[in-house]
Amino acid sequence: MDYNNFNDEEFNSINDNNEFNNGLNERQNVNVNNDKDRLRKVLFDMVSVGVVGEPLNQFYDVISIGALLLNITAAIMSTYDSFSKYSGTFKIIEAVTVAFFAVDYVLRFITAKYQYPMEKSEAKATVKYVTSFFGIIDLLSFLPYYLPIVFPAGAVAFRMIRVVRILRLFRINAYYDSLNVIADVISAKKQQLISSVFIIVVLMIASSMCMYSLEHEAQPDVFENAFSGIWWATSTLLTVGYGDIYPVTLAGRIMGIFISFLGVGMVAIPTGIISAGFVEQYSRIKRLGEYAKEEEVRFISAIIKEDDEWAGVKVKDLDLPESILIAMIKRGNNIVIPKGHVVIEPGDNVIMAARSANEDSFSNIKEITLGKKHKWVNEKIKDLDISKQSHIIVIIRGDESVIPSGRTVLLEGDKVVMYSKVKLAENE
């Protein structure tokens, strides 16, 4: 079992790399039994946003973002008359990028079982992807482009639906933690936001009906029925009024003033909820950062070999001290959350955390790197001229850790970790 120092920055980097992908740890438990499944797993890692451990995945992410930006740019530039001479180029860009979106959808479709590993069957996982928010966006990114071939009469409507592909930009959001805060705030405050929107809708309907009662006789063509004033109510409650529909009676104007004041308060409700959510989120992040500084956690990385005692053992069966816990398992380019049923495999990098010890405990521990001319090189530990109050704890040799014994021969480049009851001399 190889032990290496594992600092907080590296741990946070790996942990952050895992945030953009919900349930990534569970995906590791999906069985990969044959070449077909292995290929699908590779394809899943490739199309998953932010899984950048392999050059192929990084290349695909660049191509995906580039295709989306090209498509949107071409769609915008094609609306300018001054660029009409490049219309052919814009059409080619759209055709190529939409074809890429179609291929991307197919790849996500056939690898859905890895995205939703908790589903009992592959069919359920596929249905879950198809009906998910991003599944629908992915489908509408390319389908309206090809539908006019079958239904030419609906070409205009299908062209409008193509605007949906701009929502694919939300995938880029997964790369940036600062942008993820927005999604976290909306998710945390969704109940309050839904309640505030419900109140606004009720007020809009009530305002429309009231204004109809007050203005129908004076403006029968404008306020024809109870819902004819919904446009006025919306523009008044949410802004200051558009001006195309307005009350002319005294009672209607008084009601309009009241509704305008009420609208300011109604718009402030969701705004206040979101603002408070941002304050809470950043305060929480700040508290976590301050807590991490005050109560620093120590991490150790252990690379498991085939002949190690932990190889093939479930996490729940490991005999660990209460003060040590397994924080996570790095398996290849993926992160596995160490639940009790997870089996540790050879090659796994097991990250363990322990409570911070008193720094004074380490004041007499020293790491000595043996240079070519060091007097300990090629000497057995039992033959070393060191104090009886000093002990060699471990020898780090390359990527391996050697448990010292009297017959162990020290080599050039070895890092000798020693403990002594007295202060170690600098030249030791």
Protein backbone atom coordinates (compact mmCIF):
# COMPACT_ATOMS: atom_id res chain seq x y z
CA MET A 1 0.00 0.00 0.00
CA ASP A 2 1.60 3.25 -1.15
CA TYR A 3 1.11 6.37 0.99
CA ASN A 4 1.61 9.87 -0.32
CA ASN A 5 0.93 13.27 1.16
CA PHE A 6 -2.41 14.62 0.00
CA ASN A 7 -3.00 18.30 0.68
CA ASP A 8 -6.30 20.15 1.01
CA GLU A 9 -5.90 21.99 -2.29
CA GLU A 10 -5.63 18.73 -4.25
CA PHE A 11 -8.60 17.28 -2.39
CA ASN A 12 -10.74 20.35 -3.10
CA SER A 13 -9.72 20.25 -6.75
CA ILE A 14 -10.89 16.66 -7.08
CA ASN A 15 -14.03 17.37 -5.07
CA ASP A 16 -14.88 20.41 -7.21
CA ASN A 17 -14.38 18.35 -10.33
CA ASN A 18 -17.10 16.06 -8.99
CA GLU A 19 -19.72 18.77 -8.15
CA PHE A 20 -20.90 19.49 -11.72
CA ASN A 21 -21.99 15.78 -12.11
CA ASN A 22 -24.74 14.70 -9.75
CA GLY A 23 -24.48 11.05 -8.72
CA LEU A 24 -21.08 10.46 -10.32
CA ASN A 25 -20.08 8.24 -7.42
CA GLU A 26 -23.03 5.91 -8.02
CA ARG A 27 -22.15 5.58 -11.68
CA GLN A 28 -19.06 3.63 -10.76
CA ASN A 29 -21.22 0.78 -9.47
CA VAL A 30 -22.66 0.06 -12.92
CA ASN A 31 -21.23 -3.22 -14.15
CA VAL A 32 -19.04 -3.13 -17.23
CA ASN A 33 -18.95 -6.75 -18.32
CA ASN A 34 -18.01 -6.73 -21.98
CA ASP A 35 -16.39 -4.70 -24.73
CA LYS A 36 -19.72 -3.13 -25.70
CA ASP A 37 -20.35 -1.89 -22.16
CA ARG A 38 -16.79 -0.64 -21.85
CA LEU A 39 -17.20 1.32 -25.08
CA ARG A 40 -20.45 2.83 -23.85
CA LYS A 41 -18.76 3.79 -20.58
CA VAL A 42 -15.99 5.54 -22.52
CA LEU A 43 -18.62 7.35 -24.61
CA PHE A 44 -20.49 8.37 -21.47
CA ASP A 45 -17.34 9.86 -19.93
CA MET A 46 -16.71 11.65 -23.21
CA VAL A 47 -20.13 13.34 -23.44
CA SER A 48 -20.37 14.10 -19.71
CA VAL A 49 -19.67 17.77 -19.04
CA GLY A 50 -16.54 18.35 -16.99
CA VAL A 51 -15.16 14.77 -16.99
CA VAL A 52 -11.80 15.95 -18.31
CA GLY A 53 -9.44 13.23 -17.13
CA GLU A 54 -8.77 11.99 -20.67
CA PRO A 55 -7.67 14.03 -23.71
CA LEU A 56 -10.64 12.62 -25.65
CA ASN A 57 -13.07 14.03 -23.08
CA GLN A 58 -11.37 17.43 -23.13
CA PHE A 59 -11.42 17.48 -26.95
CA TYR A 60 -15.13 16.61 -27.03
CA ASP A 61 -15.95 19.36 -24.53
CA VAL A 62 -14.11 21.91 -26.70
CA ILE A 63 -15.89 20.69 -29.84
CA SER A 64 -19.28 20.73 -28.09
CA ILE A 65 -18.90 24.28 -26.81
CA GLY A 66 -17.42 25.44 -30.12
CA ALA A 67 -20.31 23.94 -32.12
CA LEU A 68 -22.88 25.61 -29.89
CA LEU A 69 -21.20 29.03 -30.05
CA LEU A 70 -20.80 28.76 -33.83
CA ASN A 71 -24.44 27.81 -34.25
CA ILE A 72 -25.69 30.72 -32.15
CA THR A 73 -23.32 33.19 -33.82
CA ALA A 74 -24.41 32.07 -37.29
CA ALA A 75 -28.10 32.36 -36.30
CA ILE A 76 -27.58 35.92 -35.06
CA MET A 77 -25.41 37.08 -37.97
CA SER A 78 -27.86 35.70 -40.53
CA THR A 79 -30.45 38.26 -39.36
CA TYR A 80 -28.26 41.18 -40.57
CA ASP A 81 -28.89 42.31 -44.15
CA SER A 82 -25.27 43.43 -44.41
CA PHE A 83 -24.14 39.80 -44.02
CA SER A 84 -26.62 38.37 -46.52
CA LYS A 85 -23.78 37.49 -48.90
CA TYR A 86 -22.57 34.97 -46.32
CA SER A 87 -25.95 33.26 -46.02
CA GLY A 88 -24.59 30.13 -47.69
CA THR A 89 -21.80 29.88 -45.13
CA PHE A 90 -24.27 30.36 -42.28
CA LYS A 91 -26.45 27.54 -43.65
CA ILE A 92 -23.45 25.22 -43.84
CA ILE A 93 -22.47 26.07 -40.25
CA GLU A 94 -26.02 25.40 -39.09
CA ALA A 95 -26.21 22.08 -40.94
CA VAL A 96 -22.89 20.83 -39.53
CA THR A 97 -23.51 21.96 -35.95
CA VAL A 98 -27.08 20.60 -35.90
CA ALA A 99 -25.75 17.26 -37.15
CA PHE A 100 -23.31 17.33 -34.23
CA PHE A 101 -26.20 18.00 -31.83
CA ALA A 102 -28.02 14.98 -33.28
CA VAL A 103 -24.99 12.73 -32.77
CA ASP A 104 -24.55 14.11 -29.25
CA TYR A 105 -28.18 13.24 -28.45
CA VAL A 106 -27.75 9.69 -29.75
CA LEU A 107 -24.60 9.20 -27.63
CA ARG A 108 -26.37 10.46 -24.51
CA PHE A 109 -29.37 8.29 -25.35
CA ILE A 110 -27.39 5.05 -25.58
CA THR A 111 -25.36 5.83 -22.43
CA ALA A 112 -28.31 6.90 -20.26
CA LYS A 113 -27.91 3.92 -17.93
CA TYR A 114 -24.59 5.37 -16.73
CA GLN A 115 -26.17 8.77 -16.14
CA TYR A 116 -28.97 7.26 -14.05
CA PRO A 117 -27.40 4.16 -12.46
CA MET A 118 -29.97 4.03 -9.67
CA GLU A 119 -32.73 3.08 -12.11
CA LYS A 120 -33.58 -0.64 -12.01
CA SER A 121 -33.50 -1.09 -15.78
CA GLU A 122 -31.79 0.49 -18.74
CA ALA A 123 -35.18 1.31 -20.27
CA LYS A 124 -36.18 3.37 -17.23
CA ALA A 125 -32.84 5.20 -17.30
CA THR A 126 -33.34 6.00 -20.99
CA VAL A 127 -36.88 7.27 -20.41
CA LYS A 128 -35.62 9.40 -17.53
CA TYR A 129 -33.03 11.05 -19.78
CA VAL A 130 -35.48 11.58 -22.65
CA THR A 131 -38.00 13.28 -20.35
CA SER A 132 -35.42 15.28 -18.37
CA PHE A 133 -34.87 19.01 -18.89
CA PHE A 134 -31.59 18.57 -20.75
CA GLY A 135 -32.95 15.56 -22.64
CA ILE A 136 -35.76 17.68 -24.08
CA ILE A 137 -33.37 20.54 -24.83
CA ASP A 138 -30.97 18.15 -26.59
CA LEU A 139 -33.82 16.76 -28.69
CA LEU A 140 -35.18 20.18 -29.66
CA SER A 141 -31.66 21.32 -30.56
CA PHE A 142 -31.74 19.32 -33.78
CA LEU A 143 -35.23 17.85 -34.40
CA PRO A 144 -36.95 21.09 -35.59
CA TYR A 145 -34.21 21.48 -38.21
CA TYR A 146 -35.16 18.16 -39.86
CA LEU A 147 -38.94 18.19 -39.29
CA PRO A 148 -39.72 20.49 -42.29
CA ILE A 149 -38.47 17.66 -44.52
CA VAL A 150 -41.44 15.58 -43.36
CA PHE A 151 -43.86 18.43 -42.51
CA PRO A 152 -43.01 21.34 -44.88
CA ALA A 153 -46.18 23.23 -43.88
CA GLY A 154 -44.85 23.79 -40.38
CA ALA A 155 -41.45 25.18 -41.39
CA VAL A 156 -42.05 28.60 -39.76
CA ALA A 157 -43.16 27.09 -36.46
CA PHE A 158 -40.25 24.65 -36.45
CA ARG A 159 -37.80 27.49 -37.08
CA MET A 160 -39.10 29.27 -33.97
CA ILE A 161 -38.56 26.13 -31.89
CA ARG A 162 -34.89 26.09 -32.92
CA VAL A 163 -34.33 28.97 -30.53
CA VAL A 164 -34.51 26.35 -27.77
CA ARG A 165 -30.98 25.20 -28.64
CA ILE A 166 -29.60 28.34 -26.99
CA LEU A 167 -30.59 26.70 -23.68
CA ARG A 168 -27.71 24.27 -24.26
CA LEU A 169 -25.56 27.09 -22.91
CA PHE A 170 -26.65 25.92 -19.46
CA ARG A 171 -24.29 22.96 -19.91
CA ILE A 172 -21.36 25.39 -19.85
CA ASN A 173 -22.61 26.46 -16.42
CA ALA A 174 -21.34 23.14 -15.04
CA TYR A 175 -17.71 24.27 -15.58
CA TYR A 176 -17.96 27.25 -13.26
CA ASP A 177 -18.71 26.99 -9.55
CA SER A 178 -19.57 30.70 -9.37
CA LEU A 179 -22.36 30.17 -11.90
CA ASN A 180 -23.53 27.06 -10.07
CA VAL A 181 -24.37 29.27 -7.09
CA ILE A 182 -27.30 30.67 -9.11
CA ALA A 183 -28.74 27.20 -9.65
CA ASP A 184 -28.14 26.32 -6.00
CA VAL A 185 -29.99 29.43 -4.80
CA ILE A 186 -32.96 28.86 -7.11
CA SER A 187 -33.13 25.20 -6.09
CA ALA A 188 -32.97 26.03 -2.38
CA LYS A 189 -35.61 28.75 -2.64
CA LYS A 190 -37.90 27.11 -5.20
CA GLN A 191 -40.81 26.69 -2.77
CA GLN A 192 -40.75 30.37 -1.81
CA LEU A 193 -40.38 31.43 -5.45
CA ILE A 194 -43.31 29.25 -6.52
CA SER A 195 -45.43 30.75 -3.75
CA SER A 196 -44.54 34.31 -4.78
CA VAL A 197 -45.29 33.58 -8.45
CA PHE A 198 -48.63 32.06 -7.44
CA ILE A 199 -49.51 35.24 -5.52
CA ILE A 200 -48.57 37.39 -8.52
CA VAL A 201 -50.75 35.28 -10.86
CA VAL A 202 -53.72 35.56 -8.48
CA LEU A 203 -53.26 39.33 -8.27
CA MET A 204 -53.04 39.60 -12.06
CA ILE A 205 -56.33 37.74 -12.51
CA ALA A 206 -58.03 39.71 -9.73
CA SER A 207 -56.75 43.03 -11.15
CA SER A 208 -57.98 42.13 -14.61
CA MET A 209 -61.47 41.31 -13.33
CA CYS A 210 -61.65 44.47 -11.21
CA MET A 211 -60.56 46.67 -14.09
CA TYR A 212 -63.12 45.01 -16.36
CA SER A 213 -65.87 45.86 -13.91
CA LEU A 214 -64.76 49.49 -13.70
CA GLU A 215 -63.85 50.17 -17.36
CA HIS A 216 -66.09 47.93 -19.46
CA GLU A 217 -68.85 50.48 -19.92
CA ALA A 218 -66.41 53.32 -20.71
CA GLN A 219 -64.16 51.22 -23.01
CA PRO A 220 -66.14 48.20 -24.27
CA ASP A 221 -63.69 47.65 -27.14
CA VAL A 222 -60.66 47.59 -24.83
CA PHE A 223 -62.05 45.71 -21.83
CA GLU A 224 -64.30 43.25 -23.64
CA ASN A 225 -64.37 40.54 -20.97
CA ALA A 226 -62.90 39.57 -17.60
CA PHE A 227 -59.60 38.44 -19.10
CA SER A 228 -59.22 41.17 -21.70
CA GLY A 229 -57.35 43.29 -19.16
CA ILE A 230 -54.79 40.61 -18.36
CA TRP A 231 -52.21 42.38 -20.53
CA TRP A 232 -52.83 45.64 -18.67
CA ALA A 233 -52.62 43.88 -15.29
CA THR A 234 -49.37 42.14 -16.24
CA SER A 235 -47.64 45.26 -17.52
CA THR A 236 -48.85 47.29 -14.54
CA LEU A 237 -47.99 44.78 -11.83
CA LEU A 238 -44.60 43.84 -13.22
CA THR A 239 -43.52 47.20 -14.71
CA VAL A 240 -45.09 50.70 -14.83
CA GLY A 241 -47.53 49.99 -17.66
CA TYR A 242 -47.02 49.78 -21.41
CA GLY A 243 -49.45 52.57 -22.30
CA ASP A 244 -51.56 50.90 -24.99
CA ILE A 245 -54.31 49.97 -22.49
CA TYR A 246 -55.14 52.30 -19.62
CA PRO A 247 -58.14 53.29 -17.48
CA VAL A 248 -60.12 56.44 -18.32
CA THR A 249 -62.65 56.52 -15.48
CA LEU A 250 -61.87 58.03 -12.08
CA ALA A 251 -62.48 54.73 -10.27
CA GLY A 252 -60.37 52.89 -12.82
CA ARG A 253 -57.47 55.31 -12.38
CA ILE A 254 -57.62 55.03 -8.60
CA MET A 255 -57.60 51.25 -8.96
CA GLY A 256 -54.67 51.55 -11.41
CA ILE A 257 -52.66 53.60 -8.89
CA PHE A 258 -53.35 51.06 -6.15
CA ILE A 259 -52.37 48.15 -8.39
CA SER A 260 -49.18 49.95 -9.49
CA PHE A 261 -48.07 50.36 -5.87
CA LEU A 262 -49.05 46.76 -5.17
CA GLY A 263 -47.03 45.62 -8.18
CA VAL A 264 -43.85 47.19 -6.83
CA GLY A 265 -44.22 45.14 -3.66
CA MET A 266 -45.08 41.96 -5.55
CA VAL A 267 -41.99 42.16 -7.79
CA ALA A 268 -39.87 42.83 -4.71
CA ILE A 269 -40.91 39.51 -3.14
CA PRO A 270 -39.10 37.11 -5.56
CA THR A 271 -36.25 39.62 -5.88
CA GLY A 272 -35.84 39.65 -2.11
CA ILE A 273 -36.01 35.86 -1.91
CA ILE A 274 -33.24 35.45 -4.50
CA SER A 275 -31.12 38.19 -2.90
CA ALA A 276 -31.48 36.59 0.53
CA GLY A 277 -30.58 33.24 -1.02
CA PHE A 278 -27.35 34.66 -2.44
CA VAL A 279 -26.44 36.18 0.92
CA GLU A 280 -27.13 32.87 2.70
CA GLN A 281 -25.15 30.87 0.13
CA TYR A 282 -22.08 33.09 0.22
CA SER A 283 -22.27 33.32 4.02
CA ARG A 284 -22.37 29.53 4.16
CA ILE A 285 -19.35 29.27 1.84
CA LYS A 286 -17.50 31.81 3.97
CA ARG A 287 -18.35 29.95 7.19
CA LEU A 288 -17.14 26.68 5.68
CA GLY A 289 -13.91 28.37 4.60
CA GLU A 290 -13.35 29.83 8.05
CA TYR A 291 -14.18 26.52 9.70
CA ALA A 292 -11.73 24.72 7.44
CA LYS A 293 -8.99 27.09 8.56
CA GLU A 294 -9.79 26.62 12.21
CA GLU A 295 -10.30 22.86 12.11
CA GLU A 296 -7.90 21.66 9.46
CA VAL A 297 -8.37 18.11 8.23
CA ARG A 298 -5.42 15.88 7.38
CA PHE A 299 -5.60 13.69 4.29
CA ILE A 300 -3.59 10.62 3.35
CA SER A 301 -3.55 8.96 -0.05
CA ALA A 302 -3.15 5.17 -0.19
CA ILE A 303 -2.71 3.38 -3.51
CA ILE A 304 -4.00 -0.19 -3.21
CA LYS A 305 -2.01 -3.05 -4.76
CA GLU A 306 -3.23 -6.53 -5.65
CA ASP A 307 -1.55 -8.17 -2.66
CA ASP A 308 -2.73 -5.56 -0.14
CA GLU A 309 -5.08 -6.65 2.62
CA TRP A 310 -7.67 -4.07 1.57
CA ALA A 311 -7.91 -5.32 -2.04
CA GLY A 312 -11.33 -6.88 -2.62
CA VAL A 313 -12.64 -5.83 0.82
CA LYS A 314 -15.83 -3.82 1.35
CA VAL A 315 -15.45 -0.44 3.01
CA LYS A 316 -17.71 -1.47 5.90
CA ASP A 317 -15.42 -4.43 6.67
CA LEU A 318 -12.24 -2.36 7.06
CA ASP A 319 -10.83 -2.22 10.57
CA LEU A 320 -10.13 1.51 10.90
CA PRO A 321 -9.65 3.57 14.06
CA GLU A 322 -12.58 5.79 14.97
CA SER A 323 -10.51 8.92 14.32
CA ILE A 324 -9.85 7.92 10.68
CA LEU A 325 -12.41 7.74 7.91
CA ILE A 326 -12.27 7.15 4.18
CA ALA A 327 -13.22 10.44 2.50
CA MET A 328 -13.37 9.12 -1.05
CA ILE A 329 -11.87 6.65 -3.49
CA LYS A 330 -10.26 7.81 -6.71
CA ARG A 331 -10.70 5.06 -9.30
CA GLY A 332 -8.99 6.00 -12.53
CA ASN A 333 -10.42 9.37 -13.53
CA ASN A 334 -13.57 8.95 -11.48
CA ILE A 335 -14.48 9.59 -7.87
CA VAL A 336 -16.30 6.93 -5.82
CA ILE A 337 -18.02 7.87 -2.57
CA PRO A 338 -16.98 5.16 -0.05
CA LYS A 339 -20.33 3.74 0.98
CA GLY A 340 -20.32 0.58 3.04
CA HIS A 341 -21.02 -1.80 0.16
CA VAL A 342 -18.29 -0.37 -2.11
CA VAL A 343 -15.52 -2.90 -2.74
CA ILE A 344 -11.95 -1.56 -2.83
CA GLU A 345 -10.16 -2.65 -6.00
CA PRO A 346 -6.47 -2.91 -6.84
CA GLY A 347 -5.26 0.40 -8.26
CA ASP A 348 -7.73 2.44 -6.22
CA ASN A 349 -6.40 5.61 -4.61
CA VAL A 350 -8.02 5.64 -1.17
CA ILE A 351 -8.20 9.09 0.39
CA MET A 352 -8.39 8.96 4.18
CA ALA A 353 -9.09 11.85 6.55
CA ALA A 354 -8.13 12.21 10.21
CA ARG A 355 -8.66 14.77 12.91
CA SER A 356 -6.02 17.44 13.12
CA ALA A 357 -3.39 16.69 15.73
CA ASN A 358 -1.53 19.13 17.93
CA GLU A 359 1.25 20.65 15.84
CA ASP A 360 3.62 20.21 18.77
CA SER A 361 3.38 16.47 18.21
CA PHE A 362 5.29 16.87 14.96
CA SER A 363 8.01 19.21 16.18
CA ASN A 364 10.47 16.33 16.47
CA ILE A 365 9.59 14.62 13.19
CA LYS A 366 11.91 15.22 10.29
CA GLU A 367 12.15 14.00 6.69
CA ILE A 368 15.69 13.47 5.39
CA THR A 369 16.36 13.00 1.68
CA LEU A 370 19.50 10.93 1.15
CA GLY A 371 21.84 12.45 -1.38
CA LYS A 372 24.55 10.58 -3.25
CA LYS A 373 27.23 11.34 -0.66
CA HIS A 374 25.10 10.91 2.44
CA LYS A 375 26.77 8.63 4.97
CA TRP A 376 23.63 6.47 5.33
CA VAL A 377 23.50 5.45 1.64
CA ASN A 378 23.94 1.68 1.17
CA GLU A 379 23.93 1.15 4.93
CA LYS A 380 21.62 -1.15 6.89
CA ILE A 381 19.39 0.59 9.44
CA LYS A 382 20.82 -1.53 12.28
CA ASP A 383 24.31 -0.24 11.45
CA LEU A 384 23.39 3.45 11.52
CA ASP A 385 25.01 5.64 14.12
CA ILE A 386 21.89 7.31 15.46
CA SER A 387 20.64 8.03 18.94
CA LYS A 388 18.61 5.40 20.75
CA GLN A 389 16.03 8.12 21.25
CA SER A 390 15.56 8.39 17.47
CA HIS A 391 13.41 6.07 15.38
CA ILE A 392 12.91 5.71 11.63
CA ILE A 393 9.15 5.71 11.02
CA VAL A 394 8.97 5.05 7.29
CA ILE A 395 11.12 5.18 4.18
CA ILE A 396 9.59 6.72 1.05
CA ARG A 397 11.24 5.18 -2.01
CA GLY A 398 9.85 6.62 -5.22
CA ASP A 399 6.10 6.01 -5.18
CA GLU A 400 6.36 3.30 -2.54
CA SER A 401 6.55 3.31 1.23
CA VAL A 402 8.97 0.90 2.86
CA ILE A 403 8.38 -0.27 6.42
CA PRO A 404 11.85 -0.09 8.04
CA SER A 405 13.53 -3.09 9.67
CA GLY A 406 17.06 -3.60 10.90
CA ARG A 407 18.07 -5.31 7.64
CA THR A 408 16.62 -2.59 5.38
CA VAL A 409 19.35 -1.00 3.23
CA LEU A 410 18.99 2.71 2.60
CA LEU A 411 19.46 3.89 -0.99
CA GLU A 412 20.27 7.15 -2.68
CA GLY A 413 17.09 9.24 -3.10
CA ASP A 414 15.29 7.63 -0.17
CA LYS A 415 13.23 9.94 2.01
CA VAL A 416 13.71 8.86 5.62
CA VAL A 417 11.03 10.01 8.05
CA MET A 418 12.41 10.04 11.59
CA TYR A 419 11.10 10.78 15.06
CA SER A 420 13.29 11.72 18.00
CA LYS A 421 12.58 12.67 21.59
CA VAL A 422 15.26 15.33 21.17
CA LYS A 423 15.67 17.89 18.41
CA LEU A 424 17.30 16.35 15.33
CA ALA A 425 20.49 17.92 14.11
CA GLU A 426 20.32 19.60 10.71
CA ASN A 427 23.18 17.51 9.34
CA GLU A 428 21.70 14.17 10.32
